[in-house]
Amino acid sequence: VRSQQVARRNAMVSCTALAERRRELAEVEEFLSAH
């Protein structure tokens, strides 16, 4: 049970980090396009 909880938490942290990177990439692409 504890192992599954830790794995789920790690997956959520990873998803959050990836979403943040995707958002930053989209912002950079938008800025460069506008520039």
PDB file of all heavy atoms in Angstrom:
ATOM      1  N   VAL A   1       0.846  -1.196   0.000  1.00  0.00           N
ATOM      2  CA  VAL A   1       0.000   0.000   0.000  1.00  0.00           C
ATOM      3  C   VAL A   1       0.883   1.248   0.000  1.00  0.00           C
ATOM      4  O   VAL A   1       0.680   2.169  -0.787  1.00  0.00           O
ATOM      5  CB  VAL A   1      -0.954  -0.001   1.220  1.00  0.00           C
ATOM      6  CG1 VAL A   1      -1.733   1.298   1.304  1.00  0.00           C
ATOM      7  CG2 VAL A   1      -1.882  -1.196   1.164  1.00  0.00           C
ATOM      8  N   ARG A   2       1.863   1.253   0.864  1.00  0.00           N
ATOM      9  CA  ARG A   2       2.782   2.402   0.945  1.00  0.00           C
ATOM     10  C   ARG A   2       3.555   2.562  -0.357  1.00  0.00           C
ATOM     11  O   ARG A   2       3.745   3.676  -0.845  1.00  0.00           O
ATOM     12  CB  ARG A   2       3.742   2.198   2.130  1.00  0.00           C
ATOM     13  CG  ARG A   2       4.728   3.311   2.294  1.00  0.00           C
ATOM     14  CD  ARG A   2       4.066   4.557   2.832  1.00  0.00           C
ATOM     15  NE  ARG A   2       5.094   5.571   3.006  1.00  0.00           N
ATOM     16  CZ  ARG A   2       4.956   6.817   2.594  1.00  0.00           C
ATOM     17  NH1 ARG A   2       3.847   7.217   2.036  1.00  0.00           N
ATOM     18  NH2 ARG A   2       5.924   7.673   2.766  1.00  0.00           N
ATOM     19  N   SER A   3       3.976   1.464  -0.937  1.00  0.00           N
ATOM     20  CA  SER A   3       4.706   1.510  -2.196  1.00  0.00           C
ATOM     21  C   SER A   3       3.843   2.128  -3.295  1.00  0.00           C
ATOM     22  O   SER A   3       4.310   2.950  -4.096  1.00  0.00           O
ATOM     23  CB  SER A   3       5.149   0.102  -2.590  1.00  0.00           C
ATOM     24  OG  SER A   3       5.772   0.121  -3.840  1.00  0.00           O
ATOM     25  N   GLN A   4       2.585   1.737  -3.352  1.00  0.00           N
ATOM     26  CA  GLN A   4       1.664   2.285  -4.355  1.00  0.00           C
ATOM     27  C   GLN A   4       1.428   3.777  -4.120  1.00  0.00           C
ATOM     28  O   GLN A   4       1.383   4.556  -5.067  1.00  0.00           O
ATOM     29  CB  GLN A   4       0.324   1.532  -4.299  1.00  0.00           C
ATOM     30  CG  GLN A   4      -0.716   2.034  -5.261  1.00  0.00           C
ATOM     31  CD  GLN A   4      -0.350   1.804  -6.709  1.00  0.00           C
ATOM     32  OE1 GLN A   4       0.445   0.938  -7.033  1.00  0.00           O
ATOM     33  NE2 GLN A   4      -0.921   2.595  -7.589  1.00  0.00           N
ATOM     34  N   GLN A   5       1.305   4.183  -2.884  1.00  0.00           N
ATOM     35  CA  GLN A   5       1.102   5.599  -2.577  1.00  0.00           C
ATOM     36  C   GLN A   5       2.309   6.436  -3.014  1.00  0.00           C
ATOM     37  O   GLN A   5       2.156   7.514  -3.583  1.00  0.00           O
ATOM     38  CB  GLN A   5       0.846   5.783  -1.081  1.00  0.00           C
ATOM     39  CG  GLN A   5      -0.508   5.267  -0.633  1.00  0.00           C
ATOM     40  CD  GLN A   5      -0.651   5.262   0.880  1.00  0.00           C
ATOM     41  OE1 GLN A   5       0.334   5.313   1.617  1.00  0.00           O
ATOM     42  NE2 GLN A   5      -1.901   5.196   1.349  1.00  0.00           N
ATOM     43  N   VAL A   6       3.495   5.925  -2.757  1.00  0.00           N
ATOM     44  CA  VAL A   6       4.713   6.643  -3.148  1.00  0.00           C
ATOM     45  C   VAL A   6       4.806   6.717  -4.670  1.00  0.00           C
ATOM     46  O   VAL A   6       5.153   7.762  -5.231  1.00  0.00           O
ATOM     47  CB  VAL A   6       5.961   5.964  -2.541  1.00  0.00           C
ATOM     48  CG1 VAL A   6       7.237   6.546  -3.125  1.00  0.00           C
ATOM     49  CG2 VAL A   6       5.957   6.117  -1.027  1.00  0.00           C
ATOM     50  N   ALA A   7       4.484   5.624  -5.349  1.00  0.00           N
ATOM     51  CA  ALA A   7       4.524   5.617  -6.811  1.00  0.00           C
ATOM     52  C   ALA A   7       3.523   6.615  -7.397  1.00  0.00           C
ATOM     53  O   ALA A   7       3.833   7.330  -8.354  1.00  0.00           O
ATOM     54  CB  ALA A   7       4.240   4.211  -7.331  1.00  0.00           C
ATOM     55  N   ARG A   8       2.327   6.686  -6.821  1.00  0.00           N
ATOM     56  CA  ARG A   8       1.321   7.646  -7.289  1.00  0.00           C
ATOM     57  C   ARG A   8       1.788   9.076  -7.073  1.00  0.00           C
ATOM     58  O   ARG A   8       1.620   9.936  -7.944  1.00  0.00           O
ATOM     59  CB  ARG A   8       0.001   7.427  -6.550  1.00  0.00           C
ATOM     60  CG  ARG A   8      -0.932   6.488  -7.243  1.00  0.00           C
ATOM     61  CD  ARG A   8      -2.350   6.617  -6.700  1.00  0.00           C
ATOM     62  NE  ARG A   8      -2.386   6.951  -5.296  1.00  0.00           N
ATOM     63  CZ  ARG A   8      -3.108   6.315  -4.385  1.00  0.00           C
ATOM     64  NH1 ARG A   8      -3.848   5.294  -4.725  1.00  0.00           N
ATOM     65  NH2 ARG A   8      -3.093   6.689  -3.139  1.00  0.00           N
ATOM     66  N   ARG A   9       2.374   9.329  -5.921  1.00  0.00           N
ATOM     67  CA  ARG A   9       2.872  10.673  -5.638  1.00  0.00           C
ATOM     68  C   ARG A   9       3.969  11.056  -6.623  1.00  0.00           C
ATOM     69  O   ARG A   9       3.982  12.162  -7.158  1.00  0.00           O
ATOM     70  CB  ARG A   9       3.418  10.751  -4.211  1.00  0.00           C
ATOM     71  CG  ARG A   9       3.902  12.142  -3.874  1.00  0.00           C
ATOM     72  CD  ARG A   9       4.696  12.166  -2.558  1.00  0.00           C
ATOM     73  NE  ARG A   9       5.302  13.446  -2.347  1.00  0.00           N
ATOM     74  CZ  ARG A   9       6.423  13.861  -2.934  1.00  0.00           C
ATOM     75  NH1 ARG A   9       7.057  13.095  -3.777  1.00  0.00           N
ATOM     76  NH2 ARG A   9       6.920  15.062  -2.678  1.00  0.00           N
ATOM     77  N   ASN A  10       4.883  10.142  -6.892  1.00  0.00           N
ATOM     78  CA  ASN A  10       5.952  10.409  -7.853  1.00  0.00           C
ATOM     79  C   ASN A  10       5.382  10.698  -9.241  1.00  0.00           C
ATOM     80  O   ASN A  10       5.868  11.585  -9.947  1.00  0.00           O
ATOM     81  CB  ASN A  10       6.927   9.236  -7.918  1.00  0.00           C
ATOM     82  CG  ASN A  10       7.773   9.131  -6.676  1.00  0.00           C
ATOM     83  OD1 ASN A  10       7.880  10.061  -5.897  1.00  0.00           O
ATOM     84  ND2 ASN A  10       8.388   7.970  -6.488  1.00  0.00           N
ATOM     85  N   ALA A  11       4.360   9.955  -9.634  1.00  0.00           N
ATOM     86  CA  ALA A  11       3.736  10.174 -10.937  1.00  0.00           C
ATOM     87  C   ALA A  11       3.071  11.552 -10.998  1.00  0.00           C
ATOM     88  O   ALA A  11       3.166  12.249 -12.013  1.00  0.00           O
ATOM     89  CB  ALA A  11       2.720   9.076 -11.224  1.00  0.00           C
ATOM     90  N   MET A  12       2.406  11.958  -9.926  1.00  0.00           N
ATOM     91  CA  MET A  12       1.762  13.279  -9.908  1.00  0.00           C
ATOM     92  C   MET A  12       2.796  14.398  -9.976  1.00  0.00           C
ATOM     93  O   MET A  12       2.601  15.389 -10.688  1.00  0.00           O
ATOM     94  CB  MET A  12       0.889  13.430  -8.669  1.00  0.00           C
ATOM     95  CG  MET A  12      -0.384  12.615  -8.733  1.00  0.00           C
ATOM     96  SD  MET A  12      -1.546  12.976  -7.398  1.00  0.00           S
ATOM     97  CE  MET A  12      -0.687  12.302  -5.988  1.00  0.00           C
ATOM     98  N   VAL A  13       3.892  14.242  -9.256  1.00  0.00           N
ATOM     99  CA  VAL A  13       4.954  15.249  -9.288  1.00  0.00           C
ATOM    100  C   VAL A  13       5.542  15.337 -10.693  1.00  0.00           C
ATOM    101  O   VAL A  13       5.774  16.434 -11.219  1.00  0.00           O
ATOM    102  CB  VAL A  13       6.044  14.924  -8.236  1.00  0.00           C
ATOM    103  CG1 VAL A  13       7.277  15.786  -8.433  1.00  0.00           C
ATOM    104  CG2 VAL A  13       5.488  15.100  -6.838  1.00  0.00           C
ATOM    105  N   SER A  14       5.755  14.194 -11.326  1.00  0.00           N
ATOM    106  CA  SER A  14       6.294  14.174 -12.683  1.00  0.00           C
ATOM    107  C   SER A  14       5.345  14.830 -13.670  1.00  0.00           C
ATOM    108  O   SER A  14       5.765  15.602 -14.535  1.00  0.00           O
ATOM    109  CB  SER A  14       6.576  12.739 -13.127  1.00  0.00           C
ATOM    110  OG  SER A  14       7.563  12.157 -12.314  1.00  0.00           O
ATOM    111  N   CYS A  15       4.069  14.526 -13.554  1.00  0.00           N
ATOM    112  CA  CYS A  15       3.068  15.139 -14.447  1.00  0.00           C
ATOM    113  C   CYS A  15       3.023  16.650 -14.274  1.00  0.00           C
ATOM    114  O   CYS A  15       2.915  17.389 -15.255  1.00  0.00           O
ATOM    115  CB  CYS A  15       1.691  14.543 -14.194  1.00  0.00           C
ATOM    116  SG  CYS A  15       1.501  12.882 -14.842  1.00  0.00           S
ATOM    117  N   THR A  16       3.120  17.097 -13.057  1.00  0.00           N
ATOM    118  CA  THR A  16       3.117  18.533 -12.786  1.00  0.00           C
ATOM    119  C   THR A  16       4.340  19.194 -13.412  1.00  0.00           C
ATOM    120  O   THR A  16       4.237  20.251 -14.041  1.00  0.00           O
ATOM    121  CB  THR A  16       3.080  18.802 -11.272  1.00  0.00           C
ATOM    122  OG1 THR A  16       1.916  18.168 -10.733  1.00  0.00           O
ATOM    123  CG2 THR A  16       3.065  20.281 -10.966  1.00  0.00           C
ATOM    124  N   ALA A  17       5.500  18.574 -13.261  1.00  0.00           N
ATOM    125  CA  ALA A  17       6.729  19.131 -13.833  1.00  0.00           C
ATOM    126  C   ALA A  17       6.648  19.161 -15.359  1.00  0.00           C
ATOM    127  O   ALA A  17       7.048  20.153 -15.988  1.00  0.00           O
ATOM    128  CB  ALA A  17       7.936  18.311 -13.376  1.00  0.00           C
ATOM    129  N   LEU A  18       6.135  18.101 -15.962  1.00  0.00           N
ATOM    130  CA  LEU A  18       6.015  18.065 -17.417  1.00  0.00           C
ATOM    131  C   LEU A  18       5.019  19.104 -17.916  1.00  0.00           C
ATOM    132  O   LEU A  18       5.250  19.756 -18.945  1.00  0.00           O
ATOM    133  CB  LEU A  18       5.603  16.670 -17.884  1.00  0.00           C
ATOM    134  CG  LEU A  18       6.682  15.598 -17.769  1.00  0.00           C
ATOM    135  CD1 LEU A  18       6.101  14.228 -18.112  1.00  0.00           C
ATOM    136  CD2 LEU A  18       7.853  15.924 -18.664  1.00  0.00           C
ATOM    137  N   ALA A  19       3.923  19.286 -17.221  1.00  0.00           N
ATOM    138  CA  ALA A  19       2.941  20.296 -17.619  1.00  0.00           C
ATOM    139  C   ALA A  19       3.550  21.693 -17.545  1.00  0.00           C
ATOM    140  O   ALA A  19       3.312  22.533 -18.425  1.00  0.00           O
ATOM    141  CB  ALA A  19       1.703  20.199 -16.733  1.00  0.00           C
ATOM    142  N   GLU A  20       4.342  21.949 -16.522  1.00  0.00           N
ATOM    143  CA  GLU A  20       5.016  23.240 -16.381  1.00  0.00           C
ATOM    144  C   GLU A  20       5.988  23.463 -17.531  1.00  0.00           C
ATOM    145  O   GLU A  20       6.050  24.547 -18.104  1.00  0.00           O
ATOM    146  CB  GLU A  20       5.752  23.303 -15.037  1.00  0.00           C
ATOM    147  CG  GLU A  20       6.511  24.582 -14.803  1.00  0.00           C
ATOM    148  CD  GLU A  20       5.635  25.810 -14.663  1.00  0.00           C
ATOM    149  OE1 GLU A  20       4.441  25.672 -14.374  1.00  0.00           O
ATOM    150  OE2 GLU A  20       6.155  26.919 -14.856  1.00  0.00           O
ATOM    151  N   ARG A  21       6.742  22.440 -17.888  1.00  0.00           N
ATOM    152  CA  ARG A  21       7.675  22.569 -19.012  1.00  0.00           C
ATOM    153  C   ARG A  21       6.938  22.812 -20.325  1.00  0.00           C
ATOM    154  O   ARG A  21       7.373  23.609 -21.150  1.00  0.00           O
ATOM    155  CB  ARG A  21       8.543  21.323 -19.137  1.00  0.00           C
ATOM    156  CG  ARG A  21       9.584  21.244 -18.059  1.00  0.00           C
ATOM    157  CD  ARG A  21      10.496  20.073 -18.281  1.00  0.00           C
ATOM    158  NE  ARG A  21      11.447  19.967 -17.198  1.00  0.00           N
ATOM    159  CZ  ARG A  21      12.447  19.122 -17.188  1.00  0.00           C
ATOM    160  NH1 ARG A  21      12.625  18.288 -18.190  1.00  0.00           N
ATOM    161  NH2 ARG A  21      13.273  19.086 -16.170  1.00  0.00           N
ATOM    162  N   ARG A  22       5.820  22.109 -20.523  1.00  0.00           N
ATOM    163  CA  ARG A  22       5.029  22.335 -21.741  1.00  0.00           C
ATOM    164  C   ARG A  22       4.491  23.758 -21.790  1.00  0.00           C
ATOM    165  O   ARG A  22       4.484  24.399 -22.837  1.00  0.00           O
ATOM    166  CB  ARG A  22       3.867  21.344 -21.812  1.00  0.00           C
ATOM    167  CG  ARG A  22       4.265  20.031 -22.411  1.00  0.00           C
ATOM    168  CD  ARG A  22       3.016  19.194 -22.708  1.00  0.00           C
ATOM    169  NE  ARG A  22       3.210  17.897 -22.079  1.00  0.00           N
ATOM    170  CZ  ARG A  22       2.581  17.459 -21.006  1.00  0.00           C
ATOM    171  NH1 ARG A  22       1.657  18.178 -20.432  1.00  0.00           N
ATOM    172  NH2 ARG A  22       2.847  16.280 -20.511  1.00  0.00           N
ATOM    173  N   ARG A  23       4.044  24.266 -20.645  1.00  0.00           N
ATOM    174  CA  ARG A  23       3.534  25.639 -20.588  1.00  0.00           C
ATOM    175  C   ARG A  23       4.641  26.643 -20.907  1.00  0.00           C
ATOM    176  O   ARG A  23       4.443  27.577 -21.679  1.00  0.00           O
ATOM    177  CB  ARG A  23       2.950  25.926 -19.206  1.00  0.00           C
ATOM    178  CG  ARG A  23       2.242  27.278 -19.108  1.00  0.00           C
ATOM    179  CD  ARG A  23       1.803  27.581 -17.689  1.00  0.00           C
ATOM    180  NE  ARG A  23       2.922  27.691 -16.760  1.00  0.00           N
ATOM    181  CZ  ARG A  23       3.742  28.759 -16.678  1.00  0.00           C
ATOM    182  NH1 ARG A  23       3.566  29.789 -17.463  1.00  0.00           N
ATOM    183  NH2 ARG A  23       4.728  28.786 -15.805  1.00  0.00           N
ATOM    184  N   GLU A  24       5.818  26.427 -20.334  1.00  0.00           N
ATOM    185  CA  GLU A  24       6.941  27.320 -20.603  1.00  0.00           C
ATOM    186  C   GLU A  24       7.337  27.266 -22.070  1.00  0.00           C
ATOM    187  O   GLU A  24       7.640  28.299 -22.676  1.00  0.00           O
ATOM    188  CB  GLU A  24       8.130  26.948 -19.719  1.00  0.00           C
ATOM    189  CG  GLU A  24       7.940  27.308 -18.258  1.00  0.00           C
ATOM    190  CD  GLU A  24       9.087  26.848 -17.382  1.00  0.00           C
ATOM    191  OE1 GLU A  24      10.037  26.220 -17.909  1.00  0.00           O
ATOM    192  OE2 GLU A  24       9.039  27.097 -16.173  1.00  0.00           O
ATOM    193  N   LEU A  25       7.356  26.081 -22.651  1.00  0.00           N
ATOM    194  CA  LEU A  25       7.692  25.935 -24.061  1.00  0.00           C
ATOM    195  C   LEU A  25       6.693  26.676 -24.933  1.00  0.00           C
ATOM    196  O   LEU A  25       7.076  27.373 -25.893  1.00  0.00           O
ATOM    197  CB  LEU A  25       7.730  24.447 -24.448  1.00  0.00           C
ATOM    198  CG  LEU A  25       8.042  24.148 -25.910  1.00  0.00           C
ATOM    199  CD1 LEU A  25       9.425  24.657 -26.296  1.00  0.00           C
ATOM    200  CD2 LEU A  25       7.932  22.658 -26.171  1.00  0.00           C
ATOM    201  N   ALA A  26       5.418  26.570 -24.607  1.00  0.00           N
ATOM    202  CA  ALA A  26       4.387  27.276 -25.369  1.00  0.00           C
ATOM    203  C   ALA A  26       4.575  28.793 -25.250  1.00  0.00           C
ATOM    204  O   ALA A  26       4.429  29.520 -26.243  1.00  0.00           O
ATOM    205  CB  ALA A  26       3.000  26.870 -24.881  1.00  0.00           C
ATOM    206  N   GLU A  27       4.923  29.271 -24.060  1.00  0.00           N
ATOM    207  CA  GLU A  27       5.158  30.705 -23.875  1.00  0.00           C
ATOM    208  C   GLU A  27       6.349  31.180 -24.698  1.00  0.00           C
ATOM    209  O   GLU A  27       6.300  32.246 -25.320  1.00  0.00           O
ATOM    210  CB  GLU A  27       5.397  31.024 -22.403  1.00  0.00           C
ATOM    211  CG  GLU A  27       4.159  31.002 -21.544  1.00  0.00           C
ATOM    212  CD  GLU A  27       4.469  31.329 -20.089  1.00  0.00           C
ATOM    213  OE1 GLU A  27       5.639  31.581 -19.744  1.00  0.00           O
ATOM    214  OE2 GLU A  27       3.516  31.317 -19.284  1.00  0.00           O
ATOM    215  N   VAL A  28       7.412  30.404 -24.714  1.00  0.00           N
ATOM    216  CA  VAL A  28       8.604  30.778 -25.485  1.00  0.00           C
ATOM    217  C   VAL A  28       8.284  30.786 -26.974  1.00  0.00           C
ATOM    218  O   VAL A  28       8.662  31.712 -27.700  1.00  0.00           O
ATOM    219  CB  VAL A  28       9.781  29.824 -25.164  1.00  0.00           C
ATOM    220  CG1 VAL A  28      10.926  30.027 -26.142  1.00  0.00           C
ATOM    221  CG2 VAL A  28      10.258  30.034 -23.740  1.00  0.00           C
ATOM    222  N   GLU A  29       7.574  29.761 -27.448  1.00  0.00           N
ATOM    223  CA  GLU A  29       7.205  29.721 -28.856  1.00  0.00           C
ATOM    224  C   GLU A  29       6.319  30.907 -29.230  1.00  0.00           C
ATOM    225  O   GLU A  29       6.485  31.507 -30.291  1.00  0.00           O
ATOM    226  CB  GLU A  29       6.502  28.411 -29.177  1.00  0.00           C
ATOM    227  CG  GLU A  29       7.434  27.229 -29.195  1.00  0.00           C
ATOM    228  CD  GLU A  29       6.713  25.912 -29.436  1.00  0.00           C
ATOM    229  OE1 GLU A  29       5.460  25.891 -29.420  1.00  0.00           O
ATOM    230  OE2 GLU A  29       7.402  24.905 -29.644  1.00  0.00           O
ATOM    231  N   GLU A  30       5.380  31.254 -28.356  1.00  0.00           N
ATOM    232  CA  GLU A  30       4.505  32.400 -28.610  1.00  0.00           C
ATOM    233  C   GLU A  30       5.312  33.691 -28.664  1.00  0.00           C
ATOM    234  O   GLU A  30       5.106  34.525 -29.550  1.00  0.00           O
ATOM    235  CB  GLU A  30       3.447  32.478 -27.515  1.00  0.00           C
ATOM    236  CG  GLU A  30       2.443  33.588 -27.697  1.00  0.00           C
ATOM    237  CD  GLU A  30       1.433  33.628 -26.562  1.00  0.00           C
ATOM    238  OE1 GLU A  30       1.064  32.557 -26.052  1.00  0.00           O
ATOM    239  OE2 GLU A  30       1.021  34.739 -26.200  1.00  0.00           O
ATOM    240  N   PHE A  31       6.241  33.861 -27.727  1.00  0.00           N
ATOM    241  CA  PHE A  31       7.077  35.062 -27.705  1.00  0.00           C
ATOM    242  C   PHE A  31       7.921  35.160 -28.971  1.00  0.00           C
ATOM    243  O   PHE A  31       7.990  36.221 -29.602  1.00  0.00           O
ATOM    244  CB  PHE A  31       7.989  35.060 -26.472  1.00  0.00           C
ATOM    245  CG  PHE A  31       9.020  36.153 -26.502  1.00  0.00           C
ATOM    246  CD1 PHE A  31       8.668  37.454 -26.167  1.00  0.00           C
ATOM    247  CD2 PHE A  31      10.323  35.882 -26.883  1.00  0.00           C
ATOM    248  CE1 PHE A  31       9.618  38.460 -26.201  1.00  0.00           C
ATOM    249  CE2 PHE A  31      11.271  36.884 -26.922  1.00  0.00           C
ATOM    250  CZ  PHE A  31      10.919  38.184 -26.589  1.00  0.00           C
ATOM    251  N   LEU A  32       8.570  34.064 -29.346  1.00  0.00           N
ATOM    252  CA  LEU A  32       9.422  34.091 -30.530  1.00  0.00           C
ATOM    253  C   LEU A  32       8.605  34.343 -31.797  1.00  0.00           C
ATOM    254  O   LEU A  32       9.054  35.054 -32.704  1.00  0.00           O
ATOM    255  CB  LEU A  32      10.207  32.786 -30.650  1.00  0.00           C
ATOM    256  CG  LEU A  32      11.288  32.573 -29.581  1.00  0.00           C
ATOM    257  CD1 LEU A  32      11.935  31.212 -29.747  1.00  0.00           C
ATOM    258  CD2 LEU A  32      12.320  33.678 -29.629  1.00  0.00           C
ATOM    259  N   SER A  33       7.424  33.781 -31.863  1.00  0.00           N
ATOM    260  CA  SER A  33       6.547  34.006 -33.010  1.00  0.00           C
ATOM    261  C   SER A  33       6.149  35.478 -33.103  1.00  0.00           C
ATOM    262  O   SER A  33       6.194  36.079 -34.181  1.00  0.00           O
ATOM    263  CB  SER A  33       5.316  33.122 -32.895  1.00  0.00           C
ATOM    264  OG  SER A  33       4.397  33.424 -33.904  1.00  0.00           O
ATOM    265  N   ALA A  34       5.764  36.063 -31.976  1.00  0.00           N
ATOM    266  CA  ALA A  34       5.389  37.474 -31.959  1.00  0.00           C
ATOM    267  C   ALA A  34       6.586  38.361 -32.299  1.00  0.00           C
ATOM    268  O   ALA A  34       6.455  39.345 -33.035  1.00  0.00           O
ATOM    269  CB  ALA A  34       4.819  37.845 -30.594  1.00  0.00           C
ATOM    270  N   HIS A  35       7.745  38.004 -31.794  1.00  0.00           N
ATOM    271  CA  HIS A  35       8.959  38.771 -32.073  1.00  0.00           C
ATOM    272  C   HIS A  35       9.298  38.709 -33.554  1.00  0.00           C
ATOM    273  O   HIS A  35       9.635  39.734 -34.158  1.00  0.00           O
ATOM    274  CB  HIS A  35      10.117  38.245 -31.220  1.00  0.00           C
ATOM    275  CG  HIS A  35      11.395  38.977 -31.436  1.00  0.00           C
ATOM    276  ND1 HIS A  35      11.578  40.280 -31.018  1.00  0.00           N
ATOM    277  CD2 HIS A  35      12.550  38.607 -32.043  1.00  0.00           C
ATOM    278  CE1 HIS A  35      12.798  40.666 -31.347  1.00  0.00           C
ATOM    279  NE2 HIS A  35      13.406  39.670 -31.970  1.00  0.00           N
TER     280      HIS A  35
END
